[in-house]
């Protein structure tokens, strides 16, 4: 399992790489969509413990990590907002879980676990480094010069002439 924060960082980094937008909406949609698959830990776990549902499909990395859930989420988001960032967020979450132990990709139709069992800590570390690098680069590129941070009258004459 990749940590929830890393899922969100990766989704935001992917939105930046794919769309390079300064609009906050796609980043928020991707972050929320990247969080949705792990709702099973909070929604289904109490139901399993109380005996209302049973089976691995309702456990972690079950139904909420499936293709069916991804299509449902993207369809719902498409009705009210940008669906591509939602697809990126959900897809990146499931993809990284596939390489860190596997998911029940076709639940609830099949309980088969799909994926590989890679090193959880290694993938988590690499994903964090890649996502953080992309995001720092994005922040630097969106704020290109010191005029964003310093009052124009405090800058050298040549720079303040450009501003205003």
N, C-alpha and C. Protein backbone atom coordinates (compact mmCIF):
# COMPACT_ATOMS: atom_id res chain seq x y z
N UNK A 1 0.84 -1.18 0.00
CA UNK A 1 0.00 0.00 0.00
C UNK A 1 0.88 1.24 0.00
N UNK A 2 0.64 2.13 -0.92
CA UNK A 2 1.33 3.41 -0.94
C UNK A 2 0.56 4.33 -0.01
N UNK A 3 1.26 5.10 0.78
CA UNK A 3 0.61 5.98 1.75
C UNK A 3 -0.35 6.94 1.06
N UNK A 4 -1.45 7.26 1.73
CA UNK A 4 -2.48 8.13 1.15
C UNK A 4 -1.93 9.46 0.66
N UNK A 5 -1.06 10.06 1.41
CA UNK A 5 -0.48 11.34 1.01
C UNK A 5 0.30 11.23 -0.29
N UNK A 6 0.97 10.11 -0.50
CA UNK A 6 1.72 9.90 -1.72
C UNK A 6 0.77 9.76 -2.91
N UNK A 7 -0.35 9.09 -2.71
CA UNK A 7 -1.35 8.99 -3.78
C UNK A 7 -1.80 10.38 -4.22
N UNK A 8 -2.03 11.24 -3.27
CA UNK A 8 -2.48 12.61 -3.57
C UNK A 8 -1.37 13.39 -4.27
N UNK A 9 -0.13 13.29 -3.77
CA UNK A 9 0.99 13.97 -4.42
C UNK A 9 1.17 13.51 -5.86
N UNK A 10 1.07 12.21 -6.08
CA UNK A 10 1.23 11.68 -7.44
C UNK A 10 0.13 12.19 -8.36
N UNK A 11 -1.10 12.20 -7.87
CA UNK A 11 -2.21 12.68 -8.69
C UNK A 11 -2.04 14.14 -9.08
N UNK A 12 -1.63 14.96 -8.13
CA UNK A 12 -1.42 16.37 -8.41
C UNK A 12 -0.26 16.56 -9.39
N UNK A 13 0.81 15.79 -9.21
CA UNK A 13 1.95 15.88 -10.12
C UNK A 13 1.54 15.46 -11.53
N UNK A 14 0.73 14.41 -11.66
CA UNK A 14 0.27 13.97 -12.98
C UNK A 14 -0.60 15.02 -13.66
N UNK A 15 -1.46 15.67 -12.89
CA UNK A 15 -2.29 16.73 -13.47
C UNK A 15 -1.40 17.85 -13.99
N UNK A 16 -0.39 18.21 -13.22
CA UNK A 16 0.51 19.26 -13.69
C UNK A 16 1.22 18.83 -14.98
N UNK A 17 1.75 17.60 -15.00
CA UNK A 17 2.47 17.14 -16.18
C UNK A 17 1.58 17.04 -17.41
N UNK A 18 0.33 16.65 -17.22
CA UNK A 18 -0.57 16.46 -18.36
C UNK A 18 -1.25 17.74 -18.82
N UNK A 19 -1.61 18.62 -17.89
CA UNK A 19 -2.43 19.78 -18.25
C UNK A 19 -1.74 21.12 -18.06
N UNK A 20 -0.75 21.19 -17.18
CA UNK A 20 -0.01 22.43 -16.89
C UNK A 20 -0.94 23.64 -16.72
N UNK A 21 -1.94 23.45 -15.93
CA UNK A 21 -2.92 24.51 -15.69
C UNK A 21 -2.64 25.20 -14.36
N UNK A 22 -3.04 26.46 -14.28
CA UNK A 22 -2.94 27.19 -13.02
C UNK A 22 -4.28 27.21 -12.30
N UNK A 23 -5.30 26.63 -12.91
CA UNK A 23 -6.62 26.52 -12.29
C UNK A 23 -6.57 25.45 -11.19
N UNK A 24 -7.10 25.75 -10.04
CA UNK A 24 -7.03 24.83 -8.90
C UNK A 24 -7.99 23.65 -9.04
N UNK A 25 -9.05 23.79 -9.81
CA UNK A 25 -10.07 22.76 -9.92
C UNK A 25 -9.55 21.38 -10.30
N UNK A 26 -8.80 21.23 -11.38
CA UNK A 26 -8.31 19.91 -11.75
C UNK A 26 -7.42 19.26 -10.69
N UNK A 27 -6.63 20.07 -9.99
CA UNK A 27 -5.77 19.52 -8.94
C UNK A 27 -6.61 18.99 -7.77
N UNK A 28 -7.64 19.72 -7.42
CA UNK A 28 -8.53 19.29 -6.34
C UNK A 28 -9.28 18.01 -6.73
N UNK A 29 -9.80 17.97 -7.94
CA UNK A 29 -10.52 16.78 -8.42
C UNK A 29 -9.60 15.57 -8.39
N UNK A 30 -8.37 15.72 -8.88
CA UNK A 30 -7.42 14.60 -8.90
C UNK A 30 -7.07 14.14 -7.49
N UNK A 31 -6.87 15.08 -6.58
CA UNK A 31 -6.54 14.73 -5.20
C UNK A 31 -7.67 13.96 -4.54
N UNK A 32 -8.90 14.43 -4.74
CA UNK A 32 -10.05 13.72 -4.16
C UNK A 32 -10.23 12.34 -4.79
N UNK A 33 -10.08 12.25 -6.10
CA UNK A 33 -10.24 10.96 -6.78
C UNK A 33 -9.15 9.98 -6.35
N UNK A 34 -7.95 10.48 -6.08
CA UNK A 34 -6.87 9.62 -5.61
C UNK A 34 -7.12 9.11 -4.20
N UNK A 35 -7.97 9.80 -3.46
CA UNK A 35 -8.29 9.38 -2.09
C UNK A 35 -9.44 8.39 -2.02
N UNK A 36 -10.29 8.39 -3.03
CA UNK A 36 -11.52 7.57 -3.00
C UNK A 36 -11.28 6.09 -2.80
N UNK A 37 -10.32 5.45 -3.48
CA UNK A 37 -10.19 4.00 -3.31
C UNK A 37 -9.97 3.54 -1.87
N UNK A 38 -9.30 4.35 -1.06
CA UNK A 38 -9.03 3.93 0.31
C UNK A 38 -10.19 4.18 1.27
N UNK A 39 -11.33 4.60 0.75
CA UNK A 39 -12.51 4.76 1.60
C UNK A 39 -12.96 3.40 2.16
N UNK A 40 -12.52 2.32 1.51
CA UNK A 40 -12.90 0.99 1.99
C UNK A 40 -12.40 0.71 3.40
N UNK A 41 -11.30 1.33 3.79
CA UNK A 41 -10.77 1.10 5.14
C UNK A 41 -11.68 1.70 6.20
N UNK A 42 -12.44 2.71 5.83
CA UNK A 42 -13.30 3.38 6.80
C UNK A 42 -14.77 2.97 6.65
N UNK A 43 -15.16 2.63 5.43
CA UNK A 43 -16.54 2.30 5.16
C UNK A 43 -16.85 0.82 5.38
N UNK A 44 -16.02 -0.05 4.83
CA UNK A 44 -16.31 -1.48 4.87
C UNK A 44 -15.77 -2.20 6.10
N UNK A 45 -14.66 -1.72 6.66
CA UNK A 45 -14.08 -2.41 7.82
C UNK A 45 -15.08 -2.56 8.98
N UNK A 46 -15.79 -1.49 9.37
CA UNK A 46 -16.79 -1.68 10.44
C UNK A 46 -17.91 -2.65 10.04
N UNK A 47 -18.30 -2.62 8.77
CA UNK A 47 -19.34 -3.54 8.32
C UNK A 47 -18.87 -4.99 8.35
N UNK A 48 -17.60 -5.22 8.04
CA UNK A 48 -17.03 -6.56 8.11
C UNK A 48 -16.97 -7.02 9.56
N UNK A 49 -16.49 -6.14 10.44
CA UNK A 49 -16.36 -6.49 11.86
C UNK A 49 -17.71 -6.75 12.51
N UNK A 50 -18.75 -6.07 12.04
CA UNK A 50 -20.09 -6.29 12.58
C UNK A 50 -20.81 -7.46 11.91
N UNK A 51 -20.18 -8.00 10.85
CA UNK A 51 -20.76 -9.17 10.19
C UNK A 51 -21.79 -8.86 9.12
N UNK A 52 -21.89 -7.61 8.69
CA UNK A 52 -22.87 -7.25 7.66
C UNK A 52 -22.43 -7.65 6.26
N UNK A 53 -21.12 -7.58 6.00
CA UNK A 53 -20.57 -8.02 4.72
C UNK A 53 -19.42 -8.97 5.00
N UNK A 54 -19.13 -9.82 4.01
CA UNK A 54 -18.10 -10.82 4.22
C UNK A 54 -17.34 -11.03 2.91
N UNK A 55 -16.10 -11.40 3.01
CA UNK A 55 -15.31 -11.72 1.84
C UNK A 55 -14.26 -10.68 1.53
N UNK A 56 -13.28 -11.11 0.73
CA UNK A 56 -12.15 -10.25 0.41
C UNK A 56 -12.54 -9.09 -0.50
N UNK A 57 -13.63 -9.22 -1.23
CA UNK A 57 -14.06 -8.16 -2.13
C UNK A 57 -14.36 -6.88 -1.35
N UNK A 58 -14.82 -7.03 -0.11
CA UNK A 58 -15.18 -5.87 0.71
C UNK A 58 -14.05 -5.42 1.61
N UNK A 59 -12.93 -6.10 1.57
CA UNK A 59 -11.76 -5.70 2.35
C UNK A 59 -10.98 -4.62 1.63
N UNK A 60 -9.83 -4.27 2.21
CA UNK A 60 -8.99 -3.24 1.59
C UNK A 60 -8.45 -3.74 0.26
N UNK A 61 -8.43 -2.85 -0.72
CA UNK A 61 -8.02 -3.13 -2.09
C UNK A 61 -8.99 -4.08 -2.79
N UNK A 62 -10.23 -4.00 -2.39
CA UNK A 62 -11.27 -4.81 -3.01
C UNK A 62 -12.10 -4.00 -3.99
N UNK A 63 -13.38 -3.91 -3.73
CA UNK A 63 -14.33 -3.29 -4.65
C UNK A 63 -14.01 -1.83 -4.96
N UNK A 64 -13.49 -1.10 -4.00
CA UNK A 64 -13.21 0.33 -4.25
C UNK A 64 -11.96 0.55 -5.10
N UNK A 65 -11.19 -0.49 -5.33
CA UNK A 65 -10.00 -0.41 -6.17
C UNK A 65 -10.25 -1.04 -7.55
N UNK A 66 -11.47 -1.29 -7.89
CA UNK A 66 -11.78 -2.02 -9.12
C UNK A 66 -12.01 -1.09 -10.31
N UNK A 67 -11.96 -1.69 -11.49
CA UNK A 67 -12.25 -0.96 -12.73
C UNK A 67 -13.68 -0.41 -12.67
N UNK A 68 -14.60 -1.20 -12.13
CA UNK A 68 -16.00 -0.79 -12.02
C UNK A 68 -16.11 0.51 -11.21
N UNK A 69 -15.44 0.57 -10.07
CA UNK A 69 -15.48 1.76 -9.22
C UNK A 69 -14.86 2.95 -9.93
N UNK A 70 -13.76 2.72 -10.65
CA UNK A 70 -13.11 3.80 -11.39
C UNK A 70 -14.03 4.38 -12.45
N UNK A 71 -14.70 3.52 -13.20
CA UNK A 71 -15.64 3.99 -14.23
C UNK A 71 -16.81 4.74 -13.62
N UNK A 72 -17.32 4.23 -12.50
CA UNK A 72 -18.42 4.88 -11.81
C UNK A 72 -18.00 6.27 -11.31
N UNK A 73 -16.85 6.36 -10.70
CA UNK A 73 -16.35 7.64 -10.19
C UNK A 73 -16.15 8.65 -11.31
N UNK A 74 -15.51 8.22 -12.39
CA UNK A 74 -15.26 9.13 -13.51
C UNK A 74 -16.57 9.58 -14.14
N UNK A 75 -17.54 8.68 -14.26
CA UNK A 75 -18.84 9.05 -14.82
C UNK A 75 -19.55 10.07 -13.93
N UNK A 76 -19.49 9.88 -12.63
CA UNK A 76 -20.12 10.83 -11.70
C UNK A 76 -19.44 12.20 -11.77
N UNK A 77 -18.13 12.20 -11.81
CA UNK A 77 -17.40 13.48 -11.89
C UNK A 77 -17.68 14.17 -13.22
N UNK A 78 -17.80 13.40 -14.30
CA UNK A 78 -18.04 13.98 -15.63
C UNK A 78 -19.36 14.74 -15.67
N UNK A 79 -20.30 14.38 -14.81
CA UNK A 79 -21.58 15.09 -14.78
C UNK A 79 -21.46 16.50 -14.20
N UNK A 80 -20.44 16.71 -13.37
CA UNK A 80 -20.33 18.01 -12.69
C UNK A 80 -19.01 18.73 -12.90
N UNK A 81 -18.03 18.08 -13.47
CA UNK A 81 -16.74 18.74 -13.60
C UNK A 81 -15.80 18.02 -14.53
N UNK A 82 -14.51 18.29 -14.41
CA UNK A 82 -13.51 17.71 -15.31
C UNK A 82 -13.24 16.25 -14.98
N UNK A 83 -13.49 15.37 -15.94
CA UNK A 83 -13.36 13.93 -15.68
C UNK A 83 -11.93 13.44 -15.85
N UNK A 84 -11.13 14.10 -16.67
CA UNK A 84 -9.76 13.62 -16.91
C UNK A 84 -8.90 13.65 -15.64
N UNK A 85 -8.93 14.71 -14.85
CA UNK A 85 -8.16 14.68 -13.60
C UNK A 85 -8.66 13.59 -12.64
N UNK A 86 -9.96 13.31 -12.66
CA UNK A 86 -10.49 12.24 -11.81
C UNK A 86 -9.94 10.89 -12.28
N UNK A 87 -9.89 10.69 -13.58
CA UNK A 87 -9.34 9.44 -14.12
C UNK A 87 -7.86 9.31 -13.78
N UNK A 88 -7.11 10.41 -13.87
CA UNK A 88 -5.69 10.38 -13.50
C UNK A 88 -5.50 10.06 -12.02
N UNK A 89 -6.28 10.69 -11.17
CA UNK A 89 -6.15 10.46 -9.73
C UNK A 89 -6.48 9.03 -9.34
N UNK A 90 -7.64 8.54 -9.81
CA UNK A 90 -8.04 7.18 -9.48
C UNK A 90 -7.08 6.17 -10.11
N UNK A 91 -6.75 6.41 -11.37
CA UNK A 91 -5.86 5.49 -12.08
C UNK A 91 -4.48 5.39 -11.47
N UNK A 92 -3.93 6.53 -11.04
CA UNK A 92 -2.60 6.50 -10.42
C UNK A 92 -2.64 5.75 -9.08
N UNK A 93 -3.72 5.92 -8.34
CA UNK A 93 -3.86 5.21 -7.06
C UNK A 93 -3.85 3.70 -7.30
N UNK A 94 -4.71 3.26 -8.19
CA UNK A 94 -4.83 1.82 -8.45
C UNK A 94 -3.54 1.26 -9.05
N UNK A 95 -2.91 2.01 -9.94
CA UNK A 95 -1.67 1.55 -10.56
C UNK A 95 -0.57 1.35 -9.51
N UNK A 96 -0.41 2.31 -8.62
CA UNK A 96 0.62 2.15 -7.60
C UNK A 96 0.28 1.05 -6.60
N UNK A 97 -0.99 0.84 -6.33
CA UNK A 97 -1.34 -0.29 -5.48
C UNK A 97 -1.13 -1.63 -6.19
N UNK A 98 -1.24 -1.63 -7.52
CA UNK A 98 -0.97 -2.85 -8.29
C UNK A 98 0.47 -3.31 -8.13
N UNK A 99 1.40 -2.36 -8.05
CA UNK A 99 2.82 -2.73 -7.95
C UNK A 99 3.30 -2.82 -6.51
N UNK A 100 2.42 -2.62 -5.56
CA UNK A 100 2.82 -2.75 -4.15
C UNK A 100 1.94 -3.76 -3.43
N UNK A 101 1.62 -4.84 -4.11
CA UNK A 101 0.87 -5.91 -3.44
C UNK A 101 -0.34 -6.39 -4.20
N UNK A 102 -0.91 -5.58 -5.06
CA UNK A 102 -2.04 -6.01 -5.88
C UNK A 102 -3.38 -5.50 -5.38
N UNK A 103 -4.36 -5.55 -6.29
CA UNK A 103 -5.73 -5.14 -5.99
C UNK A 103 -6.69 -6.15 -6.61
N UNK A 104 -7.92 -6.10 -6.19
CA UNK A 104 -8.97 -6.93 -6.79
C UNK A 104 -9.58 -6.10 -7.91
N UNK A 105 -8.91 -6.10 -9.04
CA UNK A 105 -9.17 -5.20 -10.15
C UNK A 105 -10.55 -5.38 -10.77
N UNK A 106 -11.10 -6.58 -10.70
CA UNK A 106 -12.39 -6.83 -11.35
C UNK A 106 -13.51 -7.12 -10.34
N UNK A 107 -13.32 -6.68 -9.10
CA UNK A 107 -14.35 -6.85 -8.07
C UNK A 107 -15.55 -5.97 -8.43
N UNK A 108 -16.72 -6.33 -8.08
CA UNK A 108 -17.15 -7.51 -7.34
C UNK A 108 -17.36 -8.75 -8.21
N UNK A 109 -17.10 -8.67 -9.52
CA UNK A 109 -17.29 -9.83 -10.39
C UNK A 109 -16.29 -10.94 -10.10
N UNK A 110 -15.08 -10.57 -9.70
CA UNK A 110 -14.03 -11.56 -9.42
C UNK A 110 -13.27 -11.12 -8.18
N UNK A 111 -12.92 -12.10 -7.36
CA UNK A 111 -12.15 -11.82 -6.15
C UNK A 111 -10.66 -12.05 -6.37
N UNK A 112 -10.25 -12.26 -7.62
CA UNK A 112 -8.84 -12.53 -7.92
C UNK A 112 -7.98 -11.29 -7.66
N UNK A 113 -6.85 -11.52 -7.02
CA UNK A 113 -5.90 -10.45 -6.73
C UNK A 113 -4.98 -10.29 -7.94
N UNK A 114 -4.90 -9.07 -8.47
CA UNK A 114 -4.08 -8.78 -9.65
C UNK A 114 -2.97 -7.83 -9.24
N UNK A 115 -1.75 -8.11 -9.65
CA UNK A 115 -0.65 -7.22 -9.36
C UNK A 115 0.59 -7.96 -8.96
N UNK A 116 1.58 -7.21 -8.54
CA UNK A 116 2.85 -7.79 -8.11
C UNK A 116 3.14 -7.32 -6.70
N UNK A 117 3.99 -8.06 -6.05
CA UNK A 117 4.34 -7.70 -4.68
C UNK A 117 5.73 -7.08 -4.69
N UNK A 118 5.77 -5.81 -5.02
CA UNK A 118 7.04 -5.09 -5.00
C UNK A 118 7.34 -4.59 -3.59
N UNK A 119 8.47 -3.99 -3.44
CA UNK A 119 8.84 -3.45 -2.13
C UNK A 119 8.01 -2.23 -1.80
N UNK A 120 7.16 -2.33 -0.81
CA UNK A 120 6.27 -1.23 -0.44
C UNK A 120 7.05 0.02 -0.08
N UNK A 121 8.04 -0.12 0.76
CA UNK A 121 8.79 1.04 1.22
C UNK A 121 9.56 1.69 0.07
N UNK A 122 10.17 0.88 -0.78
CA UNK A 122 10.92 1.41 -1.91
C UNK A 122 10.01 2.18 -2.86
N UNK A 123 8.86 1.60 -3.23
CA UNK A 123 7.93 2.28 -4.13
C UNK A 123 7.39 3.56 -3.50
N UNK A 124 7.10 3.50 -2.21
CA UNK A 124 6.61 4.68 -1.51
C UNK A 124 7.64 5.80 -1.55
N UNK A 125 8.89 5.46 -1.29
CA UNK A 125 9.97 6.44 -1.31
C UNK A 125 10.17 7.01 -2.71
N UNK A 126 10.22 6.15 -3.71
CA UNK A 126 10.42 6.61 -5.09
C UNK A 126 9.25 7.49 -5.56
N UNK A 127 8.03 7.07 -5.24
CA UNK A 127 6.86 7.85 -5.63
C UNK A 127 6.87 9.23 -4.98
N UNK A 128 7.27 9.28 -3.73
CA UNK A 128 7.34 10.57 -3.02
C UNK A 128 8.40 11.48 -3.65
N UNK A 129 9.55 10.93 -3.97
CA UNK A 129 10.63 11.72 -4.56
C UNK A 129 10.21 12.25 -5.93
N UNK A 130 9.64 11.40 -6.76
CA UNK A 130 9.22 11.82 -8.10
C UNK A 130 8.13 12.89 -8.01
N UNK A 131 7.11 12.64 -7.20
CA UNK A 131 6.00 13.59 -7.08
C UNK A 131 6.48 14.92 -6.51
N UNK A 132 7.30 14.88 -5.48
CA UNK A 132 7.79 16.13 -4.88
C UNK A 132 8.65 16.91 -5.86
N UNK A 133 9.48 16.22 -6.63
CA UNK A 133 10.31 16.89 -7.63
C UNK A 133 9.45 17.57 -8.68
N UNK A 134 8.44 16.88 -9.17
CA UNK A 134 7.54 17.47 -10.17
C UNK A 134 6.82 18.68 -9.59
N UNK A 135 6.34 18.58 -8.37
CA UNK A 135 5.60 19.68 -7.76
C UNK A 135 6.49 20.88 -7.47
N UNK A 136 7.69 20.67 -7.00
CA UNK A 136 8.61 21.79 -6.76
C UNK A 136 8.93 22.47 -8.09
N UNK A 137 9.17 21.68 -9.12
CA UNK A 137 9.43 22.25 -10.45
C UNK A 137 8.23 23.06 -10.93
N UNK A 138 7.04 22.54 -10.70
CA UNK A 138 5.82 23.26 -11.11
C UNK A 138 5.70 24.59 -10.38
N UNK A 139 5.97 24.59 -9.10
CA UNK A 139 5.87 25.83 -8.32
C UNK A 139 6.88 26.85 -8.82
N UNK A 140 8.09 26.41 -9.09
CA UNK A 140 9.12 27.32 -9.59
C UNK A 140 8.73 27.86 -10.96
N UNK A 141 8.20 27.01 -11.82
CA UNK A 141 7.82 27.45 -13.16
C UNK A 141 6.62 28.38 -13.15
N UNK A 142 5.71 28.20 -12.20
CA UNK A 142 4.53 29.06 -12.13
C UNK A 142 4.87 30.42 -11.51
N UNK A 143 5.97 30.51 -10.79
CA UNK A 143 6.41 31.76 -10.16
C UNK A 143 7.82 32.06 -10.66
N UNK A 144 7.94 32.59 -11.86
CA UNK A 144 9.25 32.67 -12.51
C UNK A 144 10.24 33.67 -11.95
N UNK A 145 9.82 34.74 -11.34
CA UNK A 145 10.82 35.73 -10.96
C UNK A 145 10.61 36.32 -9.60
N UNK A 146 11.60 37.10 -9.15
CA UNK A 146 11.51 37.69 -7.81
C UNK A 146 10.44 38.75 -7.70
N UNK A 147 9.97 39.30 -8.84
CA UNK A 147 8.95 40.33 -8.76
C UNK A 147 7.65 39.82 -8.14
N UNK A 148 7.47 38.52 -8.08
CA UNK A 148 6.28 37.96 -7.42
C UNK A 148 6.38 38.06 -5.90
N UNK A 149 7.60 38.16 -5.38
CA UNK A 149 7.80 38.09 -3.94
C UNK A 149 8.30 39.39 -3.32
N UNK A 150 8.78 40.34 -4.15
CA UNK A 150 9.39 41.56 -3.64
C UNK A 150 8.64 42.76 -4.23
N UNK A 151 8.43 43.76 -3.43
CA UNK A 151 7.79 44.99 -3.91
C UNK A 151 8.65 45.59 -5.02
N UNK A 152 8.03 46.06 -6.11
CA UNK A 152 8.80 46.59 -7.25
C UNK A 152 9.78 47.70 -6.89
N UNK A 153 9.45 48.53 -5.91
CA UNK A 153 10.35 49.62 -5.57
C UNK A 153 11.64 49.13 -4.90
N UNK A 154 11.65 47.89 -4.42
CA UNK A 154 12.85 47.35 -3.78
C UNK A 154 13.76 46.62 -4.77
N UNK A 155 13.29 46.41 -5.98
CA UNK A 155 14.07 45.70 -6.99
C UNK A 155 14.99 46.67 -7.73
N UNK A 156 16.05 46.15 -8.36
CA UNK A 156 16.91 47.02 -9.17
C UNK A 156 16.09 47.71 -10.25
N UNK A 157 16.57 48.82 -10.73
CA UNK A 157 15.85 49.67 -11.67
C UNK A 157 15.37 48.90 -12.89
N UNK A 158 16.21 48.07 -13.49
CA UNK A 158 15.85 47.37 -14.72
C UNK A 158 14.65 46.47 -14.51
N UNK A 159 14.57 45.79 -13.38
CA UNK A 159 13.44 44.89 -13.11
C UNK A 159 12.18 45.70 -12.81
N UNK A 160 12.29 46.76 -12.03
CA UNK A 160 11.10 47.55 -11.71
C UNK A 160 10.54 48.26 -12.94
N UNK A 161 11.39 48.58 -13.91
CA UNK A 161 10.91 49.17 -15.15
C UNK A 161 10.05 48.18 -15.93
N UNK A 162 10.40 46.91 -15.88
CA UNK A 162 9.61 45.88 -16.57
C UNK A 162 8.23 45.72 -15.94
N UNK A 163 8.14 45.87 -14.63
CA UNK A 163 6.89 45.63 -13.92
C UNK A 163 5.93 46.80 -14.12
N UNK A 164 6.43 47.96 -14.03
CA UNK A 164 5.45 48.91 -14.04
C UNK A 164 5.39 50.25 -14.37
